[in-house]
Amino acid sequence: MYSTRRVVVPATAGPRSEREDFLHLADKSDAMSDPEKDERRDEASGAGHAGPSPTRWFDAVDTRVLLVGTLLVGVAIGTVAVGGLSVLDDSPPDPEIESVEIVDSGCHEDVRAYSKSSSSGVWVGTINETSKHTEVSAQIRRTSPEDATVAEYRVHVETHNATIESDECPGQTRYRIEYDTPYPDAADALRTERYLDGELRGCGFSTSGPDAGCLQLREDRPVHYSNGTVTHESL
């Protein structure tokens, strides 16, 4: 009885045949083929690649860019939503004291008469029974909302060094205040109240229709003068 045994002979590194040379050249030719053709072949076969494609553009966008864009959109929506107004809307400028001047001061009989009177943007006033060394300071502020129909302003003048010394004659001080009260676009009337040391001394206004409120203000807060009388100062 005979037994058979398969003998496997390992391949040797001998010279390649012509067919092997042909296959080797074909592989090198494929490796050096046009990359654009390879890309088209990948797209046709559905293979992914590192560059952006029409269906995967999101992967190429920096996450930080998306975050910043989202924040900007949120801020814009919030700006429009708050009160229905945008922060880009122009607000009326603030009022301003432009100048404070002591026109004349001294003993009562020595102070000269002053022909000019108060007008729009100018307040001329007199302080009686005061020191001839009296000084004044002024402030102004808007007391109404920016979108109010009647724009309201208050000018406050305060006196300093007003005490009369025992060896001093009763004095008089005449002052002149210049101020600016902007007329907001939303307003149809403007009122300016004038106070000296917290007491109402006058009220001026301009209007295209609505009541500016000066008459009611004078009725509620009559003008007090230094000689003790109570009256209303003409505008």
C-alpha atoms as a PDB file:
ATOM      1  CA  MET A   1       0.000   0.000   0.000  1.00  0.00           C
ATOM      2  CA  TYR A   2       1.456   3.271  -1.010  1.00  0.00           C
ATOM      3  CA  SER A   3       1.212   6.631   0.808  1.00  0.00           C
ATOM      4  CA  THR A   4       1.561   9.978  -0.895  1.00  0.00           C
ATOM      5  CA  ARG A   5       3.076  13.197   0.564  1.00  0.00           C
ATOM      6  CA  ARG A   6       2.595  16.667  -0.865  1.00  0.00           C
ATOM      7  CA  VAL A   7       5.776  18.621  -1.098  1.00  0.00           C
ATOM      8  CA  VAL A   8       5.489  22.446  -1.221  1.00  0.00           C
ATOM      9  CA  VAL A   9       8.450  24.068  -2.823  1.00  0.00           C
ATOM     10  CA  PRO A  10       8.990  27.664  -1.616  1.00  0.00           C
ATOM     11  CA  ALA A  11       9.223  30.382  -4.219  1.00  0.00           C
ATOM     12  CA  THR A  12      12.668  31.543  -5.055  1.00  0.00           C
ATOM     13  CA  ALA A  13      13.816  35.063  -5.812  1.00  0.00           C
ATOM     14  CA  GLY A  14      14.679  34.293  -9.339  1.00  0.00           C
ATOM     15  CA  PRO A  15      14.092  36.554 -12.342  1.00  0.00           C
ATOM     16  CA  ARG A  16      10.514  37.643 -12.976  1.00  0.00           C
ATOM     17  CA  SER A  17       8.613  36.488 -15.959  1.00  0.00           C
ATOM     18  CA  GLU A  18       7.381  38.848 -18.645  1.00  0.00           C
ATOM     19  CA  ARG A  19       3.854  38.713 -17.205  1.00  0.00           C
ATOM     20  CA  GLU A  20       5.087  39.787 -13.768  1.00  0.00           C
ATOM     21  CA  ASP A  21       6.978  42.689 -15.326  1.00  0.00           C
ATOM     22  CA  PHE A  22       3.797  43.784 -17.116  1.00  0.00           C
ATOM     23  CA  LEU A  23       1.748  43.719 -13.896  1.00  0.00           C
ATOM     24  CA  HIS A  24       4.439  45.697 -12.060  1.00  0.00           C
ATOM     25  CA  LEU A  25       4.409  48.435 -14.700  1.00  0.00           C
ATOM     26  CA  ALA A  26       0.603  48.570 -14.592  1.00  0.00           C
ATOM     27  CA  ASP A  27       0.641  49.124 -10.816  1.00  0.00           C
ATOM     28  CA  LYS A  28       3.115  51.992 -11.160  1.00  0.00           C
ATOM     29  CA  SER A  29       0.965  53.557 -13.886  1.00  0.00           C
ATOM     30  CA  ASP A  30      -2.098  53.492 -11.609  1.00  0.00           C
ATOM     31  CA  ALA A  31      -0.155  55.107  -8.770  1.00  0.00           C
ATOM     32  CA  MET A  32       0.859  57.996 -11.052  1.00  0.00           C
ATOM     33  CA  SER A  33      -2.599  58.502 -12.537  1.00  0.00           C
ATOM     34  CA  ASP A  34      -4.368  61.898 -12.607  1.00  0.00           C
ATOM     35  CA  PRO A  35      -5.603  62.783  -9.050  1.00  0.00           C
ATOM     36  CA  GLU A  36      -8.647  64.561 -10.515  1.00  0.00           C
ATOM     37  CA  LYS A  37      -9.714  61.303 -12.143  1.00  0.00           C
ATOM     38  CA  ASP A  38      -9.214  59.533  -8.833  1.00  0.00           C
ATOM     39  CA  GLU A  39     -11.361  62.153  -7.101  1.00  0.00           C
ATOM     40  CA  ARG A  40     -14.135  61.743  -9.652  1.00  0.00           C
ATOM     41  CA  ARG A  41     -13.882  58.010  -9.201  1.00  0.00           C
ATOM     42  CA  ASP A  42     -14.210  58.397  -5.431  1.00  0.00           C
ATOM     43  CA  GLU A  43     -17.272  60.626  -5.812  1.00  0.00           C
ATOM     44  CA  ALA A  44     -18.902  58.158  -8.195  1.00  0.00           C
ATOM     45  CA  SER A  45     -18.300  55.319  -5.753  1.00  0.00           C
ATOM     46  CA  GLY A  46     -19.489  57.325  -2.721  1.00  0.00           C
ATOM     47  CA  ALA A  47     -16.078  57.263  -0.986  1.00  0.00           C
ATOM     48  CA  GLY A  48     -15.304  60.057   1.543  1.00  0.00           C
ATOM     49  CA  HIS A  49     -12.328  62.363   1.314  1.00  0.00           C
ATOM     50  CA  ALA A  50     -10.644  65.090   3.395  1.00  0.00           C
ATOM     51  CA  GLY A  51     -11.778  68.099   1.388  1.00  0.00           C
ATOM     52  CA  PRO A  52     -15.212  69.738   1.615  1.00  0.00           C
ATOM     53  CA  SER A  53     -18.001  68.313  -0.484  1.00  0.00           C
ATOM     54  CA  PRO A  54     -21.437  69.717  -1.315  1.00  0.00           C
ATOM     55  CA  THR A  55     -23.049  67.442   1.252  1.00  0.00           C
ATOM     56  CA  ARG A  56     -20.488  67.977   4.072  1.00  0.00           C
ATOM     57  CA  TRP A  57     -19.715  71.750   4.011  1.00  0.00           C
ATOM     58  CA  PHE A  58     -20.637  72.008   7.712  1.00  0.00           C
ATOM     59  CA  ASP A  59     -17.540  70.021   8.694  1.00  0.00           C
ATOM     60  CA  ALA A  60     -15.263  72.695   7.220  1.00  0.00           C
ATOM     61  CA  VAL A  61     -16.784  75.639   9.186  1.00  0.00           C
ATOM     62  CA  ASP A  62     -14.973  76.690  12.339  1.00  0.00           C
ATOM     63  CA  THR A  63     -17.189  76.168  15.399  1.00  0.00           C
ATOM     64  CA  ARG A  64     -16.066  79.517  16.797  1.00  0.00           C
ATOM     65  CA  VAL A  65     -17.390  81.328  13.726  1.00  0.00           C
ATOM     66  CA  LEU A  66     -20.793  79.714  14.209  1.00  0.00           C
ATOM     67  CA  LEU A  67     -20.787  80.671  17.908  1.00  0.00           C
ATOM     68  CA  VAL A  68     -19.972  84.333  17.221  1.00  0.00           C
ATOM     69  CA  GLY A  69     -22.627  84.491  14.516  1.00  0.00           C
ATOM     70  CA  THR A  70     -25.236  83.045  16.869  1.00  0.00           C
ATOM     71  CA  LEU A  71     -24.381  85.593  19.561  1.00  0.00           C
ATOM     72  CA  LEU A  72     -24.659  88.514  17.122  1.00  0.00           C
ATOM     73  CA  VAL A  73     -28.061  87.354  15.954  1.00  0.00           C
ATOM     74  CA  GLY A  74     -29.206  87.041  19.581  1.00  0.00           C
ATOM     75  CA  VAL A  75     -28.032  90.551  20.434  1.00  0.00           C
ATOM     76  CA  ALA A  76     -29.824  91.981  17.386  1.00  0.00           C
ATOM     77  CA  ILE A  77     -33.077  90.272  18.318  1.00  0.00           C
ATOM     78  CA  GLY A  78     -32.789  91.433  21.930  1.00  0.00           C
ATOM     79  CA  THR A  79     -32.127  95.006  20.836  1.00  0.00           C
ATOM     80  CA  VAL A  80     -35.310  95.130  18.800  1.00  0.00           C
ATOM     81  CA  ALA A  81     -37.333  93.391  21.493  1.00  0.00           C
ATOM     82  CA  VAL A  82     -36.496  95.722  24.390  1.00  0.00           C
ATOM     83  CA  GLY A  83     -39.183  98.364  24.331  1.00  0.00           C
ATOM     84  CA  GLY A  84     -39.527  98.002  20.596  1.00  0.00           C
ATOM     85  CA  LEU A  85     -36.533 100.333  20.191  1.00  0.00           C
ATOM     86  CA  SER A  86     -33.000  99.825  18.955  1.00  0.00           C
ATOM     87  CA  VAL A  87     -29.889 100.976  20.749  1.00  0.00           C
ATOM     88  CA  LEU A  88     -28.924 102.523  17.447  1.00  0.00           C
ATOM     89  CA  ASP A  89     -31.764 105.021  17.773  1.00  0.00           C
ATOM     90  CA  ASP A  90     -30.474 108.544  18.489  1.00  0.00           C
ATOM     91  CA  SER A  91     -31.187 109.780  22.025  1.00  0.00           C
ATOM     92  CA  PRO A  92     -31.720 113.512  22.612  1.00  0.00           C
ATOM     93  CA  PRO A  93     -28.539 115.267  23.776  1.00  0.00           C
ATOM     94  CA  ASP A  94     -28.196 116.179  27.442  1.00  0.00           C
ATOM     95  CA  PRO A  95     -28.946 119.735  28.610  1.00  0.00           C
ATOM     96  CA  GLU A  96     -25.964 121.896  29.476  1.00  0.00           C
ATOM     97  CA  ILE A  97     -25.044 124.955  31.510  1.00  0.00           C
ATOM     98  CA  GLU A  98     -23.069 127.106  29.098  1.00  0.00           C
ATOM     99  CA  SER A  99     -22.041 129.987  31.378  1.00  0.00           C
ATOM    100  CA  VAL A 100     -22.512 131.380  34.906  1.00  0.00           C
ATOM    101  CA  GLU A 101     -21.795 135.077  35.434  1.00  0.00           C
ATOM    102  CA  ILE A 102     -22.115 137.606  38.245  1.00  0.00           C
ATOM    103  CA  VAL A 103     -23.215 140.698  36.341  1.00  0.00           C
ATOM    104  CA  ASP A 104     -22.885 143.025  39.316  1.00  0.00           C
ATOM    105  CA  SER A 105     -22.736 142.872  43.103  1.00  0.00           C
ATOM    106  CA  GLY A 106     -22.152 145.214  46.017  1.00  0.00           C
ATOM    107  CA  CYS A 107     -24.100 147.341  48.440  1.00  0.00           C
ATOM    108  CA  HIS A 108     -27.706 147.627  47.374  1.00  0.00           C
ATOM    109  CA  GLU A 109     -27.509 151.291  46.333  1.00  0.00           C
ATOM    110  CA  ASP A 110     -24.322 150.731  44.328  1.00  0.00           C
ATOM    111  CA  VAL A 111     -25.545 147.961  41.998  1.00  0.00           C
ATOM    112  CA  ARG A 112     -26.316 149.244  38.522  1.00  0.00           C
ATOM    113  CA  ALA A 113     -29.588 148.567  36.761  1.00  0.00           C
ATOM    114  CA  TYR A 114     -29.491 145.782  34.211  1.00  0.00           C
ATOM    115  CA  SER A 115     -31.657 146.171  31.132  1.00  0.00           C
ATOM    116  CA  LYS A 116     -31.570 142.581  29.919  1.00  0.00           C
ATOM    117  CA  SER A 117     -34.130 140.057  31.157  1.00  0.00           C
ATOM    118  CA  SER A 118     -34.647 136.321  31.004  1.00  0.00           C
ATOM    119  CA  SER A 119     -35.331 134.718  27.639  1.00  0.00           C
ATOM    120  CA  SER A 120     -35.079 131.293  26.029  1.00  0.00           C
ATOM    121  CA  GLY A 121     -31.789 129.806  27.183  1.00  0.00           C
ATOM    122  CA  VAL A 122     -30.917 132.794  29.420  1.00  0.00           C
ATOM    123  CA  TRP A 123     -31.845 133.422  33.065  1.00  0.00           C
ATOM    124  CA  VAL A 124     -31.161 136.833  34.563  1.00  0.00           C
ATOM    125  CA  GLY A 125     -31.918 137.114  38.279  1.00  0.00           C
ATOM    126  CA  THR A 126     -31.337 139.288  41.293  1.00  0.00           C
ATOM    127  CA  ILE A 127     -30.587 138.289  44.892  1.00  0.00           C
ATOM    128  CA  ASN A 128     -31.480 140.909  47.493  1.00  0.00           C
ATOM    129  CA  GLU A 129     -30.445 141.183  51.123  1.00  0.00           C
ATOM    130  CA  THR A 130     -27.316 139.158  50.625  1.00  0.00           C
ATOM    131  CA  SER A 131     -23.594 139.597  51.060  1.00  0.00           C
ATOM    132  CA  LYS A 132     -21.810 141.631  48.426  1.00  0.00           C
ATOM    133  CA  HIS A 133     -19.429 138.670  48.165  1.00  0.00           C
ATOM    134  CA  THR A 134     -22.174 136.215  47.201  1.00  0.00           C
ATOM    135  CA  GLU A 135     -21.304 133.671  44.532  1.00  0.00           C
ATOM    136  CA  VAL A 136     -23.612 131.392  42.538  1.00  0.00           C
ATOM    137  CA  SER A 137     -23.375 127.995  40.850  1.00  0.00           C
ATOM    138  CA  ALA A 138     -25.816 126.343  38.435  1.00  0.00           C
ATOM    139  CA  GLN A 139     -26.929 122.854  37.383  1.00  0.00           C
ATOM    140  CA  ILE A 140     -29.461 121.629  34.829  1.00  0.00           C
ATOM    141  CA  ARG A 141     -31.158 118.274  34.251  1.00  0.00           C
ATOM    142  CA  ARG A 142     -33.976 116.753  32.243  1.00  0.00           C
ATOM    143  CA  THR A 143     -36.810 115.437  34.429  1.00  0.00           C
ATOM    144  CA  SER A 144     -38.972 113.841  31.704  1.00  0.00           C
ATOM    145  CA  PRO A 145     -38.484 110.587  29.745  1.00  0.00           C
ATOM    146  CA  GLU A 146     -36.792 110.802  26.357  1.00  0.00           C
ATOM    147  CA  ASP A 147     -40.054 110.040  24.511  1.00  0.00           C
ATOM    148  CA  ALA A 148     -42.309 112.344  26.572  1.00  0.00           C
ATOM    149  CA  THR A 149     -44.749 114.661  24.791  1.00  0.00           C
ATOM    150  CA  VAL A 150     -43.645 117.529  27.064  1.00  0.00           C
ATOM    151  CA  ALA A 151     -39.892 117.764  27.571  1.00  0.00           C
ATOM    152  CA  GLU A 152     -39.209 119.051  31.085  1.00  0.00           C
ATOM    153  CA  TYR A 153     -35.995 120.671  32.338  1.00  0.00           C
ATOM    154  CA  ARG A 154     -34.950 122.159  35.664  1.00  0.00           C
ATOM    155  CA  VAL A 155     -32.262 124.785  36.231  1.00  0.00           C
ATOM    156  CA  HIS A 156     -31.001 124.959  39.817  1.00  0.00           C
ATOM    157  CA  VAL A 157     -28.979 127.965  41.017  1.00  0.00           C
ATOM    158  CA  GLU A 158     -27.372 127.873  44.447  1.00  0.00           C
ATOM    159  CA  THR A 159     -25.861 130.785  46.369  1.00  0.00           C
ATOM    160  CA  HIS A 160     -22.594 130.647  48.316  1.00  0.00           C
ATOM    161  CA  ASN A 161     -21.031 133.066  50.847  1.00  0.00           C
ATOM    162  CA  ALA A 162     -24.404 134.795  51.216  1.00  0.00           C
ATOM    163  CA  THR A 163     -24.180 135.616  54.941  1.00  0.00           C
ATOM    164  CA  ILE A 164     -24.048 139.354  55.683  1.00  0.00           C
ATOM    165  CA  GLU A 165     -21.330 140.236  58.170  1.00  0.00           C
ATOM    166  CA  SER A 166     -22.052 142.631  61.026  1.00  0.00           C
ATOM    167  CA  ASP A 167     -19.880 145.387  59.556  1.00  0.00           C
ATOM    168  CA  GLU A 168     -21.163 144.869  56.022  1.00  0.00           C
ATOM    169  CA  CYS A 169     -23.877 146.742  54.167  1.00  0.00           C
ATOM    170  CA  PRO A 170     -26.886 144.792  52.869  1.00  0.00           C
ATOM    171  CA  GLY A 171     -25.882 143.706  49.439  1.00  0.00           C
ATOM    172  CA  GLN A 172     -27.408 142.823  46.111  1.00  0.00           C
ATOM    173  CA  THR A 173     -26.156 140.348  43.516  1.00  0.00           C
ATOM    174  CA  ARG A 174     -27.295 140.176  39.918  1.00  0.00           C
ATOM    175  CA  TYR A 175     -26.464 137.019  37.953  1.00  0.00           C
ATOM    176  CA  ARG A 176     -26.830 135.706  34.411  1.00  0.00           C
ATOM    177  CA  ILE A 177     -27.070 131.990  33.504  1.00  0.00           C
ATOM    178  CA  GLU A 178     -26.904 130.659  29.948  1.00  0.00           C
ATOM    179  CA  TYR A 179     -28.125 127.103  29.327  1.00  0.00           C
ATOM    180  CA  ASP A 180     -29.078 124.786  26.493  1.00  0.00           C
ATOM    181  CA  THR A 181     -32.278 122.714  26.547  1.00  0.00           C
ATOM    182  CA  PRO A 182     -32.449 120.439  23.451  1.00  0.00           C
ATOM    183  CA  TYR A 183     -35.882 119.911  21.896  1.00  0.00           C
ATOM    184  CA  PRO A 184     -36.371 116.126  21.511  1.00  0.00           C
ATOM    185  CA  ASP A 185     -37.940 114.893  18.278  1.00  0.00           C
ATOM    186  CA  ALA A 186     -40.710 113.130  20.206  1.00  0.00           C
ATOM    187  CA  ALA A 187     -41.771 116.262  22.123  1.00  0.00           C
ATOM    188  CA  ASP A 188     -44.538 118.710  21.146  1.00  0.00           C
ATOM    189  CA  ALA A 189     -43.813 121.097  24.027  1.00  0.00           C
ATOM    190  CA  LEU A 190     -40.839 122.117  26.181  1.00  0.00           C
ATOM    191  CA  ARG A 191     -40.842 123.505  29.735  1.00  0.00           C
ATOM    192  CA  THR A 192     -37.948 124.950  31.727  1.00  0.00           C
ATOM    193  CA  GLU A 193     -38.338 125.453  35.484  1.00  0.00           C
ATOM    194  CA  ARG A 194     -35.926 127.784  37.291  1.00  0.00           C
ATOM    195  CA  TYR A 195     -35.085 127.400  40.991  1.00  0.00           C
ATOM    196  CA  LEU A 196     -32.925 129.529  43.305  1.00  0.00           C
ATOM    197  CA  ASP A 197     -31.806 127.707  46.440  1.00  0.00           C
ATOM    198  CA  GLY A 198     -34.658 125.215  45.992  1.00  0.00           C
ATOM    199  CA  GLU A 199     -37.411 127.822  45.504  1.00  0.00           C
ATOM    200  CA  LEU A 200     -39.271 128.257  42.233  1.00  0.00           C
ATOM    201  CA  ARG A 201     -38.323 131.524  40.518  1.00  0.00           C
ATOM    202  CA  GLY A 202     -39.781 131.099  37.057  1.00  0.00           C
ATOM    203  CA  CYS A 203     -41.059 128.802  34.329  1.00  0.00           C
ATOM    204  CA  GLY A 204     -40.653 129.213  30.584  1.00  0.00           C
ATOM    205  CA  PHE A 205     -42.127 127.101  27.814  1.00  0.00           C
ATOM    206  CA  SER A 206     -42.756 126.664  24.116  1.00  0.00           C
ATOM    207  CA  THR A 207     -45.448 124.447  22.615  1.00  0.00           C
ATOM    208  CA  SER A 208     -47.098 123.446  19.358  1.00  0.00           C
ATOM    209  CA  GLY A 209     -50.356 122.480  21.073  1.00  0.00           C
ATOM    210  CA  PRO A 210     -50.214 120.568  24.371  1.00  0.00           C
ATOM    211  CA  ASP A 211     -50.222 122.347  27.743  1.00  0.00           C
ATOM    212  CA  ALA A 212     -46.651 122.702  28.957  1.00  0.00           C
ATOM    213  CA  GLY A 213     -47.765 122.854  32.613  1.00  0.00           C
ATOM    214  CA  CYS A 214     -46.221 126.145  33.742  1.00  0.00           C
ATOM    215  CA  LEU A 215     -49.535 127.590  34.975  1.00  0.00           C
ATOM    216  CA  GLN A 216     -50.278 124.542  37.083  1.00  0.00           C
ATOM    217  CA  LEU A 217     -46.717 124.564  38.397  1.00  0.00           C
ATOM    218  CA  ARG A 218     -47.016 128.172  39.592  1.00  0.00           C
ATOM    219  CA  GLU A 219     -50.304 127.393  41.316  1.00  0.00           C
ATOM    220  CA  ASP A 220     -48.825 124.400  43.111  1.00  0.00           C
ATOM    221  CA  ARG A 221     -45.499 126.041  43.981  1.00  0.00           C
ATOM    222  CA  PRO A 222     -45.813 129.830  44.266  1.00  0.00           C
ATOM    223  CA  VAL A 223     -42.672 131.922  43.951  1.00  0.00           C
ATOM    224  CA  HIS A 224     -41.059 133.085  47.215  1.00  0.00           C
ATOM    225  CA  TYR A 225     -38.886 136.187  47.291  1.00  0.00           C
ATOM    226  CA  SER A 226     -36.264 137.162  49.835  1.00  0.00           C
ATOM    227  CA  ASN A 227     -38.357 140.055  51.177  1.00  0.00           C
ATOM    228  CA  GLY A 228     -41.021 137.554  52.352  1.00  0.00           C
ATOM    229  CA  THR A 229     -43.643 138.174  49.679  1.00  0.00           C
ATOM    230  CA  VAL A 230     -45.256 135.365  47.738  1.00  0.00           C
ATOM    231  CA  THR A 231     -46.157 136.018  44.128  1.00  0.00           C
ATOM    232  CA  HIS A 232     -45.750 134.671  40.617  1.00  0.00           C
ATOM    233  CA  GLU A 233     -42.820 135.673  38.449  1.00  0.00           C
ATOM    234  CA  SER A 234     -43.816 136.744  34.948  1.00  0.00           C
ATOM    235  CA  LEU A 235     -42.320 134.745  32.106  1.00  0.00           C
END
